[in-house]
Amino acid sequence: MYARVAMFEGADLDRLQQMNEERMSSGEMNAPAGMKKVLLLADRNANRSVFVAFFDSRAEVEAAEARFESMGDEIPEDVRGRRTSVDVYEVVTEQDL
């Protein structure tokens, strides 16, 4: 499994969550192909967030990049924040305790 990790600054997390819920309930959510799971981490005090998307292979991560870029056009920067980095990691261990 692979994780695409994108870091953001300045997101409006409440509005982002509202937009996500609206898209999910309306069926308008068009997630990148191959994405298995997503995790959004937030540091509200520092106004930073980390978006982690999980895929079965690095090839799926690479194939999804164009969709991630178009999502950036669909969600205004004042809502999603300014992306400061994107990295891809292999998930070596995953455990539920």
N, C-alpha and C. Protein backbone atom coordinates (compact mmCIF):
# COMPACT_ATOMS: atom_id res chain seq x y z
N MET A 1 0.84 -1.16 0.00
CA MET A 1 0.00 0.00 0.00
C MET A 1 0.90 1.24 0.00
N TYR A 2 0.40 2.32 -0.61
CA TYR A 2 1.13 3.58 -0.69
C TYR A 2 0.25 4.72 -0.20
N ALA A 3 0.89 5.72 0.39
CA ALA A 3 0.19 6.89 0.90
C ALA A 3 0.72 8.13 0.20
N ARG A 4 -0.18 8.92 -0.35
CA ARG A 4 0.16 10.23 -0.91
C ARG A 4 -0.15 11.23 0.19
N VAL A 5 0.85 11.98 0.61
CA VAL A 5 0.73 12.89 1.75
C VAL A 5 0.90 14.32 1.24
N ALA A 6 -0.17 15.10 1.33
CA ALA A 6 -0.14 16.50 0.91
C ALA A 6 -0.34 17.39 2.14
N MET A 7 0.52 18.38 2.28
CA MET A 7 0.45 19.28 3.43
C MET A 7 -0.08 20.63 2.96
N PHE A 8 -0.92 21.23 3.81
CA PHE A 8 -1.56 22.51 3.48
C PHE A 8 -1.44 23.48 4.65
N GLU A 9 -1.47 24.77 4.31
CA GLU A 9 -1.53 25.84 5.31
C GLU A 9 -2.70 26.75 4.96
N GLY A 10 -3.40 27.23 5.99
CA GLY A 10 -4.43 28.22 5.79
C GLY A 10 -5.79 27.71 5.34
N ALA A 11 -6.08 26.44 5.55
CA ALA A 11 -7.38 25.90 5.14
C ALA A 11 -8.49 26.35 6.07
N ASP A 12 -9.68 26.48 5.52
CA ASP A 12 -10.88 26.70 6.31
C ASP A 12 -11.47 25.31 6.56
N LEU A 13 -11.04 24.68 7.63
CA LEU A 13 -11.37 23.28 7.87
C LEU A 13 -12.86 23.04 8.06
N ASP A 14 -13.56 23.97 8.68
CA ASP A 14 -15.00 23.81 8.85
C ASP A 14 -15.71 23.82 7.50
N ARG A 15 -15.34 24.77 6.65
CA ARG A 15 -15.94 24.86 5.31
C ARG A 15 -15.54 23.66 4.46
N LEU A 16 -14.30 23.21 4.58
CA LEU A 16 -13.85 22.04 3.84
C LEU A 16 -14.65 20.81 4.23
N GLN A 17 -14.89 20.63 5.52
CA GLN A 17 -15.69 19.50 5.98
C GLN A 17 -17.13 19.62 5.47
N GLN A 18 -17.68 20.83 5.50
CA GLN A 18 -19.04 21.04 5.00
C GLN A 18 -19.13 20.70 3.51
N MET A 19 -18.16 21.17 2.72
CA MET A 19 -18.16 20.86 1.29
C MET A 19 -18.06 19.36 1.05
N ASN A 20 -17.23 18.67 1.82
CA ASN A 20 -17.07 17.23 1.69
C ASN A 20 -18.38 16.52 1.99
N GLU A 21 -19.04 16.91 3.06
CA GLU A 21 -20.32 16.28 3.42
C GLU A 21 -21.38 16.52 2.35
N GLU A 22 -21.41 17.75 1.81
CA GLU A 22 -22.38 18.06 0.76
C GLU A 22 -22.12 17.23 -0.49
N ARG A 23 -20.87 17.08 -0.88
CA ARG A 23 -20.53 16.29 -2.07
C ARG A 23 -20.81 14.82 -1.87
N MET A 24 -20.55 14.32 -0.66
CA MET A 24 -20.83 12.91 -0.39
C MET A 24 -22.34 12.65 -0.44
N SER A 25 -23.14 13.50 0.18
CA SER A 25 -24.58 13.27 0.23
C SER A 25 -25.25 13.47 -1.13
N SER A 26 -24.69 14.33 -1.99
CA SER A 26 -25.28 14.58 -3.30
C SER A 26 -24.77 13.61 -4.37
N GLY A 27 -23.75 12.83 -4.03
CA GLY A 27 -23.17 11.92 -5.00
C GLY A 27 -22.20 12.59 -5.95
N GLU A 28 -21.83 13.85 -5.67
CA GLU A 28 -20.92 14.61 -6.52
C GLU A 28 -19.45 14.35 -6.20
N MET A 29 -19.18 13.55 -5.18
CA MET A 29 -17.79 13.28 -4.81
C MET A 29 -17.15 12.43 -5.91
N ASN A 30 -16.13 12.97 -6.54
CA ASN A 30 -15.45 12.29 -7.64
C ASN A 30 -14.00 12.08 -7.22
N ALA A 31 -13.80 11.10 -6.36
CA ALA A 31 -12.46 10.81 -5.84
C ALA A 31 -11.57 10.23 -6.94
N PRO A 32 -10.28 10.40 -6.80
CA PRO A 32 -9.36 9.81 -7.78
C PRO A 32 -9.52 8.28 -7.85
N ALA A 33 -9.42 7.75 -9.04
CA ALA A 33 -9.52 6.30 -9.23
C ALA A 33 -8.43 5.60 -8.43
N GLY A 34 -8.79 4.51 -7.79
CA GLY A 34 -7.83 3.71 -7.04
C GLY A 34 -7.65 4.12 -5.60
N MET A 35 -8.19 5.27 -5.21
CA MET A 35 -8.03 5.71 -3.82
C MET A 35 -8.88 4.83 -2.91
N LYS A 36 -8.24 4.21 -1.92
CA LYS A 36 -8.90 3.26 -1.03
C LYS A 36 -9.44 3.91 0.24
N LYS A 37 -8.70 4.88 0.74
CA LYS A 37 -9.05 5.48 2.03
C LYS A 37 -8.40 6.85 2.07
N VAL A 38 -8.97 7.74 2.86
CA VAL A 38 -8.40 9.07 3.02
C VAL A 38 -8.42 9.44 4.50
N LEU A 39 -7.45 10.23 4.88
CA LEU A 39 -7.32 10.67 6.27
C LEU A 39 -6.93 12.14 6.22
N LEU A 40 -7.67 12.98 6.96
CA LEU A 40 -7.34 14.40 7.05
C LEU A 40 -6.97 14.70 8.49
N LEU A 41 -5.75 15.17 8.67
CA LEU A 41 -5.23 15.53 9.99
C LEU A 41 -5.15 17.04 10.06
N ALA A 42 -5.47 17.61 11.21
CA ALA A 42 -5.46 19.07 11.34
C ALA A 42 -4.79 19.52 12.62
N ASP A 43 -4.05 20.60 12.49
CA ASP A 43 -3.52 21.33 13.63
C ASP A 43 -4.18 22.70 13.55
N ARG A 44 -5.31 22.83 14.22
CA ARG A 44 -6.10 24.07 14.13
C ARG A 44 -5.35 25.27 14.70
N ASN A 45 -4.53 25.06 15.71
CA ASN A 45 -3.78 26.17 16.30
C ASN A 45 -2.77 26.75 15.33
N ALA A 46 -2.13 25.91 14.55
CA ALA A 46 -1.14 26.35 13.58
C ALA A 46 -1.75 26.57 12.19
N ASN A 47 -3.05 26.25 12.04
CA ASN A 47 -3.77 26.37 10.77
C ASN A 47 -3.06 25.60 9.65
N ARG A 48 -2.70 24.35 9.98
CA ARG A 48 -2.07 23.44 9.01
C ARG A 48 -2.88 22.16 8.96
N SER A 49 -2.83 21.48 7.82
CA SER A 49 -3.51 20.20 7.68
C SER A 49 -2.69 19.27 6.80
N VAL A 50 -2.95 17.99 6.98
CA VAL A 50 -2.27 16.95 6.22
C VAL A 50 -3.35 16.04 5.64
N PHE A 51 -3.33 15.88 4.32
CA PHE A 51 -4.29 15.04 3.61
C PHE A 51 -3.54 13.80 3.15
N VAL A 52 -3.96 12.64 3.66
CA VAL A 52 -3.30 11.38 3.34
C VAL A 52 -4.29 10.50 2.55
N ALA A 53 -3.90 10.13 1.34
CA ALA A 53 -4.73 9.28 0.50
C ALA A 53 -3.99 7.96 0.29
N PHE A 54 -4.71 6.86 0.44
CA PHE A 54 -4.10 5.52 0.37
C PHE A 54 -4.49 4.81 -0.92
N PHE A 55 -3.49 4.16 -1.52
CA PHE A 55 -3.64 3.43 -2.77
C PHE A 55 -2.93 2.08 -2.66
N ASP A 56 -3.32 1.14 -3.50
CA ASP A 56 -2.67 -0.18 -3.49
C ASP A 56 -1.28 -0.16 -4.12
N SER A 57 -1.03 0.76 -5.05
CA SER A 57 0.26 0.75 -5.74
C SER A 57 0.74 2.17 -6.03
N ARG A 58 2.03 2.30 -6.24
CA ARG A 58 2.60 3.60 -6.62
C ARG A 58 2.05 4.03 -7.99
N ALA A 59 1.83 3.08 -8.88
CA ALA A 59 1.29 3.39 -10.20
C ALA A 59 -0.10 4.04 -10.08
N GLU A 60 -0.91 3.56 -9.13
CA GLU A 60 -2.23 4.17 -8.92
C GLU A 60 -2.10 5.59 -8.38
N VAL A 61 -1.12 5.83 -7.51
CA VAL A 61 -0.88 7.18 -7.00
C VAL A 61 -0.53 8.09 -8.17
N GLU A 62 0.39 7.66 -9.01
CA GLU A 62 0.82 8.47 -10.15
C GLU A 62 -0.33 8.72 -11.12
N ALA A 63 -1.16 7.71 -11.35
CA ALA A 63 -2.30 7.86 -12.26
C ALA A 63 -3.34 8.84 -11.70
N ALA A 64 -3.41 8.96 -10.39
CA ALA A 64 -4.40 9.84 -9.75
C ALA A 64 -3.95 11.30 -9.68
N GLU A 65 -2.71 11.57 -10.00
CA GLU A 65 -2.17 12.92 -9.83
C GLU A 65 -2.96 13.98 -10.60
N ALA A 66 -3.35 13.67 -11.82
CA ALA A 66 -4.12 14.65 -12.60
C ALA A 66 -5.45 14.96 -11.93
N ARG A 67 -6.08 13.96 -11.34
CA ARG A 67 -7.36 14.21 -10.64
C ARG A 67 -7.12 15.07 -9.40
N PHE A 68 -6.04 14.83 -8.67
CA PHE A 68 -5.74 15.67 -7.52
C PHE A 68 -5.55 17.13 -7.95
N GLU A 69 -4.86 17.34 -9.07
CA GLU A 69 -4.65 18.70 -9.57
C GLU A 69 -5.98 19.35 -9.94
N SER A 70 -6.88 18.61 -10.57
CA SER A 70 -8.17 19.20 -10.94
C SER A 70 -9.03 19.47 -9.71
N MET A 71 -8.86 18.66 -8.66
CA MET A 71 -9.58 18.93 -7.41
C MET A 71 -9.13 20.27 -6.82
N GLY A 72 -7.86 20.60 -7.01
CA GLY A 72 -7.36 21.88 -6.56
C GLY A 72 -8.04 23.04 -7.27
N ASP A 73 -8.46 22.83 -8.51
CA ASP A 73 -9.20 23.85 -9.25
C ASP A 73 -10.66 23.93 -8.79
N GLU A 74 -11.21 22.83 -8.29
CA GLU A 74 -12.61 22.77 -7.88
C GLU A 74 -12.85 23.34 -6.48
N ILE A 75 -11.84 23.27 -5.63
CA ILE A 75 -11.96 23.74 -4.25
C ILE A 75 -11.14 25.02 -4.13
N PRO A 76 -11.79 26.14 -3.83
CA PRO A 76 -11.06 27.40 -3.75
C PRO A 76 -9.92 27.34 -2.72
N GLU A 77 -8.83 28.04 -3.01
CA GLU A 77 -7.67 28.02 -2.13
C GLU A 77 -7.99 28.51 -0.73
N ASP A 78 -8.93 29.47 -0.60
CA ASP A 78 -9.27 29.95 0.75
C ASP A 78 -9.99 28.89 1.56
N VAL A 79 -10.48 27.84 0.91
CA VAL A 79 -11.11 26.71 1.61
C VAL A 79 -10.07 25.59 1.82
N ARG A 80 -9.40 25.15 0.78
CA ARG A 80 -8.46 24.02 0.87
C ARG A 80 -7.12 24.41 1.48
N GLY A 81 -6.79 25.70 1.41
CA GLY A 81 -5.50 26.15 1.88
C GLY A 81 -4.47 26.10 0.76
N ARG A 82 -3.26 26.51 1.08
CA ARG A 82 -2.16 26.50 0.13
C ARG A 82 -1.35 25.23 0.33
N ARG A 83 -1.22 24.46 -0.73
CA ARG A 83 -0.45 23.20 -0.63
C ARG A 83 1.03 23.55 -0.51
N THR A 84 1.67 23.00 0.51
CA THR A 84 3.08 23.29 0.74
C THR A 84 4.00 22.14 0.34
N SER A 85 3.46 20.93 0.26
CA SER A 85 4.28 19.80 -0.19
C SER A 85 3.40 18.60 -0.53
N VAL A 86 3.95 17.72 -1.34
CA VAL A 86 3.32 16.44 -1.67
C VAL A 86 4.43 15.40 -1.72
N ASP A 87 4.24 14.29 -1.02
CA ASP A 87 5.19 13.19 -1.03
C ASP A 87 4.42 11.88 -1.10
N VAL A 88 5.10 10.83 -1.52
CA VAL A 88 4.51 9.50 -1.57
C VAL A 88 5.37 8.57 -0.72
N TYR A 89 4.71 7.78 0.12
CA TYR A 89 5.39 6.84 1.02
C TYR A 89 4.80 5.45 0.84
N GLU A 90 5.64 4.46 0.98
CA GLU A 90 5.15 3.09 1.07
C GLU A 90 4.69 2.86 2.51
N VAL A 91 3.52 2.27 2.67
CA VAL A 91 3.02 1.93 4.00
C VAL A 91 3.66 0.61 4.39
N VAL A 92 4.55 0.66 5.35
CA VAL A 92 5.30 -0.54 5.75
C VAL A 92 4.53 -1.32 6.79
N THR A 93 3.89 -0.64 7.72
CA THR A 93 3.13 -1.29 8.78
C THR A 93 1.83 -0.54 9.02
N GLU A 94 0.75 -1.29 9.19
CA GLU A 94 -0.53 -0.73 9.57
C GLU A 94 -1.14 -1.67 10.60
N GLN A 95 -1.48 -1.12 11.75
CA GLN A 95 -2.01 -1.97 12.83
C GLN A 95 -3.18 -1.28 13.51
N ASP A 96 -4.18 -2.06 13.83
CA ASP A 96 -5.25 -1.61 14.70
C ASP A 96 -4.96 -2.22 16.07
N LEU A 97 -4.90 -1.41 17.08
CA LEU A 97 -4.58 -1.91 18.42
C LEU A 97 -5.81 -1.91 19.30
